[in-house]
Amino acid sequence: MQTVTRSLQEVSNLTTEDVANLAVRLEDDDYKNPFDGLNDWHLLRAIAFQRPELIEPYIHLLDLEPCDEA
């Protein structure tokens, strides 16, 4: 499994297909070491803050779903 490391500037150039591939890797969780998975998770989180429309289908991977604590 190969991870992708991107700068914050490159996040703006990601496509929906790139994000879908990233989500598949995270869901499969088949990394050679835990740091590769963590790098992908941080990338998805960076995308969530810069381009939230791209991660809507994958928000469950970040545990950022809104919840009602009332």
PDB file of N, CA and C in Angstrom:
ATOM      1  N   MET A   1       0.841  -1.171   0.000  1.00  0.00           N
ATOM      2  CA  MET A   1       0.000   0.000   0.000  1.00  0.00           C
ATOM      3  C   MET A   1       0.887   1.234   0.000  1.00  0.00           C
ATOM      4  N   GLN A   2       0.628   2.152  -0.896  1.00  0.00           N
ATOM      5  CA  GLN A   2       1.438   3.355  -1.009  1.00  0.00           C
ATOM      6  C   GLN A   2       0.624   4.558  -0.544  1.00  0.00           C
ATOM      7  N   THR A   3       1.213   5.350   0.313  1.00  0.00           N
ATOM      8  CA  THR A   3       0.538   6.551   0.785  1.00  0.00           C
ATOM      9  C   THR A   3       0.961   7.745  -0.049  1.00  0.00           C
ATOM     10  N   VAL A   4       0.185   8.792   0.045  1.00  0.00           N
ATOM     11  CA  VAL A   4       0.468  10.002  -0.703  1.00  0.00           C
ATOM     12  C   VAL A   4       0.677  11.130   0.292  1.00  0.00           C
ATOM     13  N   THR A   5       1.789  11.819   0.174  1.00  0.00           N
ATOM     14  CA  THR A   5       2.056  12.965   1.022  1.00  0.00           C
ATOM     15  C   THR A   5       1.950  14.210   0.155  1.00  0.00           C
ATOM     16  N   ARG A   6       1.142  15.140   0.594  1.00  0.00           N
ATOM     17  CA  ARG A   6       0.918  16.346  -0.191  1.00  0.00           C
ATOM     18  C   ARG A   6       1.043  17.576   0.698  1.00  0.00           C
ATOM     19  N   SER A   7       1.485  18.656   0.099  1.00  0.00           N
ATOM     20  CA  SER A   7       1.537  19.909   0.829  1.00  0.00           C
ATOM     21  C   SER A   7       0.129  20.496   0.877  1.00  0.00           C
ATOM     22  N   LEU A   8      -0.050  21.475   1.718  1.00  0.00           N
ATOM     23  CA  LEU A   8      -1.356  22.106   1.833  1.00  0.00           C
ATOM     24  C   LEU A   8      -1.764  22.784   0.533  1.00  0.00           C
ATOM     25  N   GLN A   9      -0.808  23.286  -0.228  1.00  0.00           N
ATOM     26  CA  GLN A   9      -1.130  23.897  -1.514  1.00  0.00           C
ATOM     27  C   GLN A   9      -1.652  22.864  -2.497  1.00  0.00           C
ATOM     28  N   GLU A  10      -1.127  21.669  -2.423  1.00  0.00           N
ATOM     29  CA  GLU A  10      -1.561  20.625  -3.350  1.00  0.00           C
ATOM     30  C   GLU A  10      -2.959  20.111  -3.038  1.00  0.00           C
ATOM     31  N   VAL A  11      -3.425  20.293  -1.808  1.00  0.00           N
ATOM     32  CA  VAL A  11      -4.770  19.853  -1.438  1.00  0.00           C
ATOM     33  C   VAL A  11      -5.801  20.527  -2.332  1.00  0.00           C
ATOM     34  N   SER A  12      -5.558  21.754  -2.707  1.00  0.00           N
ATOM     35  CA  SER A  12      -6.507  22.473  -3.556  1.00  0.00           C
ATOM     36  C   SER A  12      -6.599  21.876  -4.961  1.00  0.00           C
ATOM     37  N   ASN A  13      -5.616  21.077  -5.354  1.00  0.00           N
ATOM     38  CA  ASN A  13      -5.618  20.460  -6.682  1.00  0.00           C
ATOM     39  C   ASN A  13      -6.171  19.041  -6.693  1.00  0.00           C
ATOM     40  N   LEU A  14      -6.546  18.505  -5.545  1.00  0.00           N
ATOM     41  CA  LEU A  14      -7.048  17.131  -5.490  1.00  0.00           C
ATOM     42  C   LEU A  14      -8.416  17.025  -6.151  1.00  0.00           C
ATOM     43  N   THR A  15      -8.650  15.883  -6.784  1.00  0.00           N
ATOM     44  CA  THR A  15      -9.941  15.626  -7.427  1.00  0.00           C
ATOM     45  C   THR A  15     -10.765  14.698  -6.545  1.00  0.00           C
ATOM     46  N   THR A  16     -12.020  14.542  -6.904  1.00  0.00           N
ATOM     47  CA  THR A  16     -12.885  13.620  -6.161  1.00  0.00           C
ATOM     48  C   THR A  16     -12.344  12.197  -6.267  1.00  0.00           C
ATOM     49  N   GLU A  17     -11.736  11.860  -7.395  1.00  0.00           N
ATOM     50  CA  GLU A  17     -11.159  10.522  -7.568  1.00  0.00           C
ATOM     51  C   GLU A  17      -9.971  10.320  -6.622  1.00  0.00           C
ATOM     52  N   ASP A  18      -9.136  11.334  -6.457  1.00  0.00           N
ATOM     53  CA  ASP A  18      -8.011  11.250  -5.524  1.00  0.00           C
ATOM     54  C   ASP A  18      -8.499  10.999  -4.102  1.00  0.00           C
ATOM     55  N   VAL A  19      -9.528  11.720  -3.725  1.00  0.00           N
ATOM     56  CA  VAL A  19     -10.073  11.574  -2.367  1.00  0.00           C
ATOM     57  C   VAL A  19     -10.731  10.210  -2.202  1.00  0.00           C
ATOM     58  N   ALA A  20     -11.396   9.728  -3.228  1.00  0.00           N
ATOM     59  CA  ALA A  20     -12.020   8.400  -3.164  1.00  0.00           C
ATOM     60  C   ALA A  20     -10.944   7.320  -2.988  1.00  0.00           C
ATOM     61  N   ASN A  21      -9.832   7.444  -3.708  1.00  0.00           N
ATOM     62  CA  ASN A  21      -8.735   6.479  -3.567  1.00  0.00           C
ATOM     63  C   ASN A  21      -8.142   6.526  -2.168  1.00  0.00           C
ATOM     64  N   LEU A  22      -8.003   7.722  -1.632  1.00  0.00           N
ATOM     65  CA  LEU A  22      -7.502   7.895  -0.273  1.00  0.00           C
ATOM     66  C   LEU A  22      -8.450   7.224   0.731  1.00  0.00           C
ATOM     67  N   ALA A  23      -9.737   7.423   0.545  1.00  0.00           N
ATOM     68  CA  ALA A  23     -10.732   6.831   1.450  1.00  0.00           C
ATOM     69  C   ALA A  23     -10.701   5.305   1.377  1.00  0.00           C
ATOM     70  N   VAL A  24     -10.517   4.761   0.192  1.00  0.00           N
ATOM     71  CA  VAL A  24     -10.453   3.304   0.040  1.00  0.00           C
ATOM     72  C   VAL A  24      -9.253   2.756   0.809  1.00  0.00           C
ATOM     73  N   ARG A  25      -8.114   3.441   0.694  1.00  0.00           N
ATOM     74  CA  ARG A  25      -6.936   2.990   1.440  1.00  0.00           C
ATOM     75  C   ARG A  25      -7.197   3.018   2.943  1.00  0.00           C
ATOM     76  N   LEU A  26      -7.836   4.090   3.409  1.00  0.00           N
ATOM     77  CA  LEU A  26      -8.123   4.187   4.842  1.00  0.00           C
ATOM     78  C   LEU A  26      -9.115   3.120   5.287  1.00  0.00           C
ATOM     79  N   GLU A  27     -10.126   2.860   4.475  1.00  0.00           N
ATOM     80  CA  GLU A  27     -11.110   1.836   4.830  1.00  0.00           C
ATOM     81  C   GLU A  27     -10.494   0.440   4.804  1.00  0.00           C
ATOM     82  N   ASP A  28      -9.621   0.176   3.848  1.00  0.00           N
ATOM     83  CA  ASP A  28      -8.970  -1.135   3.769  1.00  0.00           C
ATOM     84  C   ASP A  28      -7.984  -1.333   4.912  1.00  0.00           C
ATOM     85  N   ASP A  29      -7.366  -0.261   5.359  1.00  0.00           N
ATOM     86  CA  ASP A  29      -6.430  -0.286   6.488  1.00  0.00           C
ATOM     87  C   ASP A  29      -5.370  -1.369   6.315  1.00  0.00           C
ATOM     88  N   ASP A  30      -4.793  -1.424   5.124  1.00  0.00           N
ATOM     89  CA  ASP A  30      -3.784  -2.431   4.802  1.00  0.00           C
ATOM     90  C   ASP A  30      -2.441  -1.735   4.560  1.00  0.00           C
ATOM     91  N   TYR A  31      -1.916  -1.133   5.606  1.00  0.00           N
ATOM     92  CA  TYR A  31      -0.671  -0.382   5.504  1.00  0.00           C
ATOM     93  C   TYR A  31       0.485  -1.220   6.027  1.00  0.00           C
ATOM     94  N   LYS A  32       1.672  -0.970   5.499  1.00  0.00           N
ATOM     95  CA  LYS A  32       2.856  -1.697   5.954  1.00  0.00           C
ATOM     96  C   LYS A  32       3.276  -1.257   7.346  1.00  0.00           C
ATOM     97  N   ASN A  33       2.987   0.008   7.682  1.00  0.00           N
ATOM     98  CA  ASN A  33       3.270   0.474   9.033  1.00  0.00           C
ATOM     99  C   ASN A  33       2.207   1.493   9.429  1.00  0.00           C
ATOM    100  N   PRO A  34       2.022   1.710  10.712  1.00  0.00           N
ATOM    101  CA  PRO A  34       0.940   2.598  11.158  1.00  0.00           C
ATOM    102  C   PRO A  34       1.137   4.053  10.740  1.00  0.00           C
ATOM    103  N   PHE A  35       2.353   4.456  10.468  1.00  0.00           N
ATOM    104  CA  PHE A  35       2.603   5.840  10.091  1.00  0.00           C
ATOM    105  C   PHE A  35       2.056   6.171   8.710  1.00  0.00           C
ATOM    106  N   ASP A  36       2.044   5.193   7.811  1.00  0.00           N
ATOM    107  CA  ASP A  36       1.456   5.418   6.492  1.00  0.00           C
ATOM    108  C   ASP A  36      -0.042   5.700   6.617  1.00  0.00           C
ATOM    109  N   GLY A  37      -0.708   4.932   7.441  1.00  0.00           N
ATOM    110  CA  GLY A  37      -2.132   5.159   7.677  1.00  0.00           C
ATOM    111  C   GLY A  37      -2.388   6.506   8.333  1.00  0.00           C
ATOM    112  N   LEU A  38      -1.539   6.863   9.268  1.00  0.00           N
ATOM    113  CA  LEU A  38      -1.672   8.144   9.947  1.00  0.00           C
ATOM    114  C   LEU A  38      -1.454   9.306   8.973  1.00  0.00           C
ATOM    115  N   ASN A  39      -0.502   9.154   8.065  1.00  0.00           N
ATOM    116  CA  ASN A  39      -0.277  10.188   7.043  1.00  0.00           C
ATOM    117  C   ASN A  39      -1.504  10.367   6.158  1.00  0.00           C
ATOM    118  N   ASP A  40      -2.122   9.258   5.747  1.00  0.00           N
ATOM    119  CA  ASP A  40      -3.333   9.347   4.945  1.00  0.00           C
ATOM    120  C   ASP A  40      -4.463  10.003   5.735  1.00  0.00           C
ATOM    121  N   TRP A  41      -4.585   9.665   7.009  1.00  0.00           N
ATOM    122  CA  TRP A  41      -5.632  10.253   7.841  1.00  0.00           C
ATOM    123  C   TRP A  41      -5.423  11.757   7.970  1.00  0.00           C
ATOM    124  N   HIS A  42      -4.181  12.182   8.161  1.00  0.00           N
ATOM    125  CA  HIS A  42      -3.897  13.614   8.258  1.00  0.00           C
ATOM    126  C   HIS A  42      -4.178  14.327   6.933  1.00  0.00           C
ATOM    127  N   LEU A  43      -3.902  13.673   5.836  1.00  0.00           N
ATOM    128  CA  LEU A  43      -4.213  14.250   4.533  1.00  0.00           C
ATOM    129  C   LEU A  43      -5.718  14.420   4.380  1.00  0.00           C
ATOM    130  N   LEU A  44      -6.481  13.397   4.746  1.00  0.00           N
ATOM    131  CA  LEU A  44      -7.937  13.499   4.658  1.00  0.00           C
ATOM    132  C   LEU A  44      -8.449  14.616   5.565  1.00  0.00           C
ATOM    133  N   ARG A  45      -7.854  14.756   6.713  1.00  0.00           N
ATOM    134  CA  ARG A  45      -8.261  15.822   7.626  1.00  0.00           C
ATOM    135  C   ARG A  45      -7.930  17.202   7.044  1.00  0.00           C
ATOM    136  N   ALA A  46      -6.778  17.337   6.409  1.00  0.00           N
ATOM    137  CA  ALA A  46      -6.428  18.607   5.759  1.00  0.00           C
ATOM    138  C   ALA A  46      -7.428  18.935   4.650  1.00  0.00           C
ATOM    139  N   ILE A  47      -7.818  17.915   3.914  1.00  0.00           N
ATOM    140  CA  ILE A  47      -8.818  18.113   2.863  1.00  0.00           C
ATOM    141  C   ILE A  47     -10.141  18.561   3.486  1.00  0.00           C
ATOM    142  N   ALA A  48     -10.490  17.974   4.619  1.00  0.00           N
ATOM    143  CA  ALA A  48     -11.748  18.320   5.283  1.00  0.00           C
ATOM    144  C   ALA A  48     -11.797  19.793   5.662  1.00  0.00           C
ATOM    145  N   PHE A  49     -10.683  20.347   6.058  1.00  0.00           N
ATOM    146  CA  PHE A  49     -10.663  21.748   6.457  1.00  0.00           C
ATOM    147  C   PHE A  49     -10.587  22.695   5.261  1.00  0.00           C
ATOM    148  N   GLN A  50      -9.895  22.272   4.209  1.00  0.00           N
ATOM    149  CA  GLN A  50      -9.729  23.152   3.051  1.00  0.00           C
ATOM    150  C   GLN A  50     -10.815  22.984   1.994  1.00  0.00           C
ATOM    151  N   ARG A  51     -11.271  21.739   1.824  1.00  0.00           N
ATOM    152  CA  ARG A  51     -12.270  21.454   0.788  1.00  0.00           C
ATOM    153  C   ARG A  51     -13.291  20.454   1.325  1.00  0.00           C
ATOM    154  N   PRO A  52     -14.112  20.873   2.278  1.00  0.00           N
ATOM    155  CA  PRO A  52     -15.030  19.953   2.949  1.00  0.00           C
ATOM    156  C   PRO A  52     -16.019  19.251   2.020  1.00  0.00           C
ATOM    157  N   GLU A  53     -16.323  19.847   0.886  1.00  0.00           N
ATOM    158  CA  GLU A  53     -17.267  19.221  -0.044  1.00  0.00           C
ATOM    159  C   GLU A  53     -16.730  17.891  -0.589  1.00  0.00           C
ATOM    160  N   LEU A  54     -15.411  17.725  -0.610  1.00  0.00           N
ATOM    161  CA  LEU A  54     -14.824  16.489  -1.141  1.00  0.00           C
ATOM    162  C   LEU A  54     -14.906  15.325  -0.166  1.00  0.00           C
ATOM    163  N   ILE A  55     -14.981  15.599   1.114  1.00  0.00           N
ATOM    164  CA  ILE A  55     -14.935  14.491   2.071  1.00  0.00           C
ATOM    165  C   ILE A  55     -16.299  14.127   2.655  1.00  0.00           C
ATOM    166  N   GLU A  56     -17.356  14.795   2.211  1.00  0.00           N
ATOM    167  CA  GLU A  56     -18.681  14.507   2.765  1.00  0.00           C
ATOM    168  C   GLU A  56     -19.012  13.014   2.793  1.00  0.00           C
ATOM    169  N   PRO A  57     -18.756  12.266   1.719  1.00  0.00           N
ATOM    170  CA  PRO A  57     -19.081  10.834   1.765  1.00  0.00           C
ATOM    171  C   PRO A  57     -18.165  10.025   2.694  1.00  0.00           C
ATOM    172  N   TYR A  58     -17.064  10.621   3.123  1.00  0.00           N
ATOM    173  CA  TYR A  58     -16.063   9.888   3.903  1.00  0.00           C
ATOM    174  C   TYR A  58     -15.855  10.478   5.292  1.00  0.00           C
ATOM    175  N   ILE A  59     -16.758  11.320   5.737  1.00  0.00           N
ATOM    176  CA  ILE A  59     -16.577  11.995   7.027  1.00  0.00           C
ATOM    177  C   ILE A  59     -16.506  10.987   8.174  1.00  0.00           C
ATOM    178  N   HIS A  60     -17.108   9.833   7.986  1.00  0.00           N
ATOM    179  CA  HIS A  60     -17.065   8.811   9.040  1.00  0.00           C
ATOM    180  C   HIS A  60     -15.627   8.349   9.322  1.00  0.00           C
ATOM    181  N   LEU A  61     -14.741   8.517   8.358  1.00  0.00           N
ATOM    182  CA  LEU A  61     -13.350   8.126   8.565  1.00  0.00           C
ATOM    183  C   LEU A  61     -12.612   9.076   9.487  1.00  0.00           C
ATOM    184  N   LEU A  62     -13.150  10.270   9.665  1.00  0.00           N
ATOM    185  CA  LEU A  62     -12.501  11.267  10.512  1.00  0.00           C
ATOM    186  C   LEU A  62     -13.149  11.397  11.878  1.00  0.00           C
ATOM    187  N   ASP A  63     -14.285  10.772  12.069  1.00  0.00           N
ATOM    188  CA  ASP A  63     -15.004  10.887  13.336  1.00  0.00           C
ATOM    189  C   ASP A  63     -15.404  12.334  13.617  1.00  0.00           C
ATOM    190  N   LEU A  64     -15.776  13.072  12.583  1.00  0.00           N
ATOM    191  CA  LEU A  64     -16.184  14.459  12.715  1.00  0.00           C
ATOM    192  C   LEU A  64     -17.698  14.648  12.547  1.00  0.00           C
ATOM    193  N   GLU A  65     -18.436  13.563  12.589  1.00  0.00           N
ATOM    194  CA  GLU A  65     -19.866  13.666  12.402  1.00  0.00           C
ATOM    195  C   GLU A  65     -20.480  14.470  13.530  1.00  0.00           C
ATOM    196  N   PRO A  66     -21.413  15.349  13.169  1.00  0.00           N
ATOM    197  CA  PRO A  66     -22.069  16.125  14.227  1.00  0.00           C
ATOM    198  C   PRO A  66     -22.885  15.217  15.146  1.00  0.00           C
ATOM    199  N   CYS A  67     -22.874  15.546  16.393  1.00  0.00           N
ATOM    200  CA  CYS A  67     -23.657  14.747  17.328  1.00  0.00           C
ATOM    201  C   CYS A  67     -24.412  15.668  18.279  1.00  0.00           C
ATOM    202  N   ASP A  68     -25.499  15.168  18.782  1.00  0.00           N
ATOM    203  CA  ASP A  68     -26.341  15.944  19.694  1.00  0.00           C
ATOM    204  C   ASP A  68     -26.033  15.499  21.100  1.00  0.00           C
ATOM    205  N   GLU A  69     -25.408  16.360  21.870  1.00  0.00           N
ATOM    206  CA  GLU A  69     -25.023  16.003  23.223  1.00  0.00           C
ATOM    207  C   GLU A  69     -26.073  16.430  24.241  1.00  0.00           C
ATOM    208  N   ALA A  70     -27.192  16.936  23.769  1.00  0.00           N
ATOM    209  CA  ALA A  70     -28.243  17.397  24.690  1.00  0.00           C
ATOM    210  C   ALA A  70     -28.992  16.249  25.311  1.00  0.00           C
TER     211      ALA A  70
END
